[in-house]
Amino acid sequence: MINGEEFQAVTVKLPKTTLLTVSNNTGYIMCGALDVGLLNSVLADRKIIAGRAVGVKTIEQLLAAPLESVTLEAERIGIKAGMVGSDALLKMT
């Protein structure tokens, strides 16, 4: 929960890396494995709201980190690169 809003956090441990994501029904933030360029180009018709933070190793770090990049649809609702992950999620409610 962030400010009373519910989100789902998922950690997937893989060999030599860990995938992290926090989401709700509107969008998500994710670790550096997220390909924002792909979402903005090949999958543009899906209008995905998402942001990417790099160098994070835990969900707590993902929530506290500034987003390195965001999709065009995320920008449309006021989410910007540099915004802290938890603040970006609250714009998705």
C-alpha atoms as a PDB file:
ATOM      1  CA  MET A   1       0.000   0.000   0.000  1.00  0.00           C
ATOM      2  CA  ILE A   2       1.128   3.505  -0.840  1.00  0.00           C
ATOM      3  CA  ASN A   3      -0.937   6.304   0.733  1.00  0.00           C
ATOM      4  CA  GLY A   4      -3.849   3.873   1.067  1.00  0.00           C
ATOM      5  CA  GLU A   5      -3.663   2.729  -2.573  1.00  0.00           C
ATOM      6  CA  GLU A   6      -3.106  -0.970  -3.258  1.00  0.00           C
ATOM      7  CA  PHE A   7      -0.369  -2.225  -5.588  1.00  0.00           C
ATOM      8  CA  GLN A   8       1.079  -5.636  -6.341  1.00  0.00           C
ATOM      9  CA  ALA A   9       4.838  -6.113  -5.949  1.00  0.00           C
ATOM     10  CA  VAL A  10       6.582  -9.038  -7.636  1.00  0.00           C
ATOM     11  CA  THR A  11      10.175 -10.187  -7.302  1.00  0.00           C
ATOM     12  CA  VAL A  12      11.460 -12.865  -9.684  1.00  0.00           C
ATOM     13  CA  LYS A  13      14.889 -14.264  -8.841  1.00  0.00           C
ATOM     14  CA  LEU A  14      16.704 -15.442 -11.964  1.00  0.00           C
ATOM     15  CA  PRO A  15      20.288 -16.577 -12.491  1.00  0.00           C
ATOM     16  CA  LYS A  16      22.527 -13.510 -12.149  1.00  0.00           C
ATOM     17  CA  THR A  17      19.623 -11.024 -11.977  1.00  0.00           C
ATOM     18  CA  THR A  18      16.352 -10.231 -10.227  1.00  0.00           C
ATOM     19  CA  LEU A  19      13.290  -8.802 -11.950  1.00  0.00           C
ATOM     20  CA  LEU A  20      11.259  -6.302  -9.904  1.00  0.00           C
ATOM     21  CA  THR A  21       7.871  -4.794 -10.671  1.00  0.00           C
ATOM     22  CA  VAL A  22       5.136  -2.918  -8.813  1.00  0.00           C
ATOM     23  CA  SER A  23       1.774  -2.555 -10.551  1.00  0.00           C
ATOM     24  CA  ASN A  24      -1.934  -1.881 -10.391  1.00  0.00           C
ATOM     25  CA  ASN A  25      -4.682  -2.139 -13.024  1.00  0.00           C
ATOM     26  CA  THR A  26      -3.454   1.054 -14.737  1.00  0.00           C
ATOM     27  CA  GLY A  27       0.289   0.597 -15.096  1.00  0.00           C
ATOM     28  CA  TYR A  28       3.583  -0.374 -13.532  1.00  0.00           C
ATOM     29  CA  ILE A  29       7.143   0.491 -12.669  1.00  0.00           C
ATOM     30  CA  MET A  30       9.936  -2.000 -13.188  1.00  0.00           C
ATOM     31  CA  CYS A  31      13.664  -2.509 -12.844  1.00  0.00           C
ATOM     32  CA  GLY A  32      16.144  -1.887 -15.652  1.00  0.00           C
ATOM     33  CA  ALA A  33      14.974  -4.962 -17.591  1.00  0.00           C
ATOM     34  CA  LEU A  34      12.026  -2.940 -18.926  1.00  0.00           C
ATOM     35  CA  ASP A  35      12.449  -1.865 -22.559  1.00  0.00           C
ATOM     36  CA  VAL A  36      10.652   1.491 -22.700  1.00  0.00           C
ATOM     37  CA  GLY A  37      11.680   1.987 -26.334  1.00  0.00           C
ATOM     38  CA  LEU A  38       9.919  -1.232 -27.328  1.00  0.00           C
ATOM     39  CA  LEU A  39       6.768  -0.208 -25.467  1.00  0.00           C
ATOM     40  CA  ASN A  40       6.784   3.195 -27.205  1.00  0.00           C
ATOM     41  CA  SER A  41       7.369   1.788 -30.692  1.00  0.00           C
ATOM     42  CA  VAL A  42       6.432  -1.824 -31.386  1.00  0.00           C
ATOM     43  CA  LEU A  43       3.725  -1.940 -28.704  1.00  0.00           C
ATOM     44  CA  ALA A  44       2.566   1.699 -28.992  1.00  0.00           C
ATOM     45  CA  ASP A  45      -0.975   0.645 -29.889  1.00  0.00           C
ATOM     46  CA  ARG A  46      -1.323  -0.909 -26.401  1.00  0.00           C
ATOM     47  CA  LYS A  47      -0.827   2.495 -24.712  1.00  0.00           C
ATOM     48  CA  ILE A  48       1.133   1.013 -21.815  1.00  0.00           C
ATOM     49  CA  ILE A  49       1.725   3.215 -18.781  1.00  0.00           C
ATOM     50  CA  ALA A  50       5.096   2.234 -17.329  1.00  0.00           C
ATOM     51  CA  GLY A  51       8.361   3.506 -15.916  1.00  0.00           C
ATOM     52  CA  ARG A  52      11.868   2.098 -15.567  1.00  0.00           C
ATOM     53  CA  ALA A  53      14.337   2.510 -12.709  1.00  0.00           C
ATOM     54  CA  VAL A  54      17.914   1.269 -13.035  1.00  0.00           C
ATOM     55  CA  GLY A  55      20.339  -0.015 -10.413  1.00  0.00           C
ATOM     56  CA  VAL A  56      17.649  -1.253  -8.028  1.00  0.00           C
ATOM     57  CA  LYS A  57      17.871  -4.599  -6.268  1.00  0.00           C
ATOM     58  CA  THR A  58      14.782  -4.590  -4.006  1.00  0.00           C
ATOM     59  CA  ILE A  59      11.168  -3.470  -4.167  1.00  0.00           C
ATOM     60  CA  GLU A  60      11.954  -0.799  -1.573  1.00  0.00           C
ATOM     61  CA  GLN A  61      14.710   0.590  -3.791  1.00  0.00           C
ATOM     62  CA  LEU A  62      12.389   0.505  -6.815  1.00  0.00           C
ATOM     63  CA  LEU A  63       9.804   2.571  -4.940  1.00  0.00           C
ATOM     64  CA  ALA A  64      12.420   5.113  -3.804  1.00  0.00           C
ATOM     65  CA  ALA A  65      14.436   5.393  -7.025  1.00  0.00           C
ATOM     66  CA  PRO A  66      13.994   8.093  -9.637  1.00  0.00           C
ATOM     67  CA  LEU A  67      12.638   6.692 -12.887  1.00  0.00           C
ATOM     68  CA  GLU A  68      15.253   6.685 -15.626  1.00  0.00           C
ATOM     69  CA  SER A  69      12.668   6.556 -18.424  1.00  0.00           C
ATOM     70  CA  VAL A  70       8.899   6.369 -18.865  1.00  0.00           C
ATOM     71  CA  THR A  71       6.538   5.514 -21.701  1.00  0.00           C
ATOM     72  CA  LEU A  72       4.782   8.144 -23.765  1.00  0.00           C
ATOM     73  CA  GLU A  73       1.476   7.094 -22.187  1.00  0.00           C
ATOM     74  CA  ALA A  74       2.966   7.595 -18.714  1.00  0.00           C
ATOM     75  CA  GLU A  75       4.048  11.103 -19.731  1.00  0.00           C
ATOM     76  CA  ARG A  76       0.506  11.761 -20.937  1.00  0.00           C
ATOM     77  CA  ILE A  77      -0.809  11.302 -17.371  1.00  0.00           C
ATOM     78  CA  GLY A  78       1.941  13.411 -15.767  1.00  0.00           C
ATOM     79  CA  ILE A  79       4.641  10.841 -14.986  1.00  0.00           C
ATOM     80  CA  LYS A  80       8.117  12.108 -15.869  1.00  0.00           C
ATOM     81  CA  ALA A  81      11.636  10.691 -15.923  1.00  0.00           C
ATOM     82  CA  GLY A  82      13.294  11.613 -12.623  1.00  0.00           C
ATOM     83  CA  MET A  83      10.069  11.136 -10.646  1.00  0.00           C
ATOM     84  CA  VAL A  84      10.387   8.768  -7.674  1.00  0.00           C
ATOM     85  CA  GLY A  85       8.786   5.360  -8.288  1.00  0.00           C
ATOM     86  CA  SER A  86       6.172   5.608  -5.533  1.00  0.00           C
ATOM     87  CA  ASP A  87       5.069   9.054  -6.749  1.00  0.00           C
ATOM     88  CA  ALA A  88       4.710   7.722 -10.284  1.00  0.00           C
ATOM     89  CA  LEU A  89       2.559   4.846  -9.024  1.00  0.00           C
ATOM     90  CA  LEU A  90       0.246   7.251  -7.221  1.00  0.00           C
ATOM     91  CA  LYS A  91      -0.361   9.039 -10.559  1.00  0.00           C
ATOM     92  CA  MET A  92      -1.616   5.689 -11.872  1.00  0.00           C
ATOM     93  CA  THR A  93      -4.532   5.561  -9.442  1.00  0.00           C
END
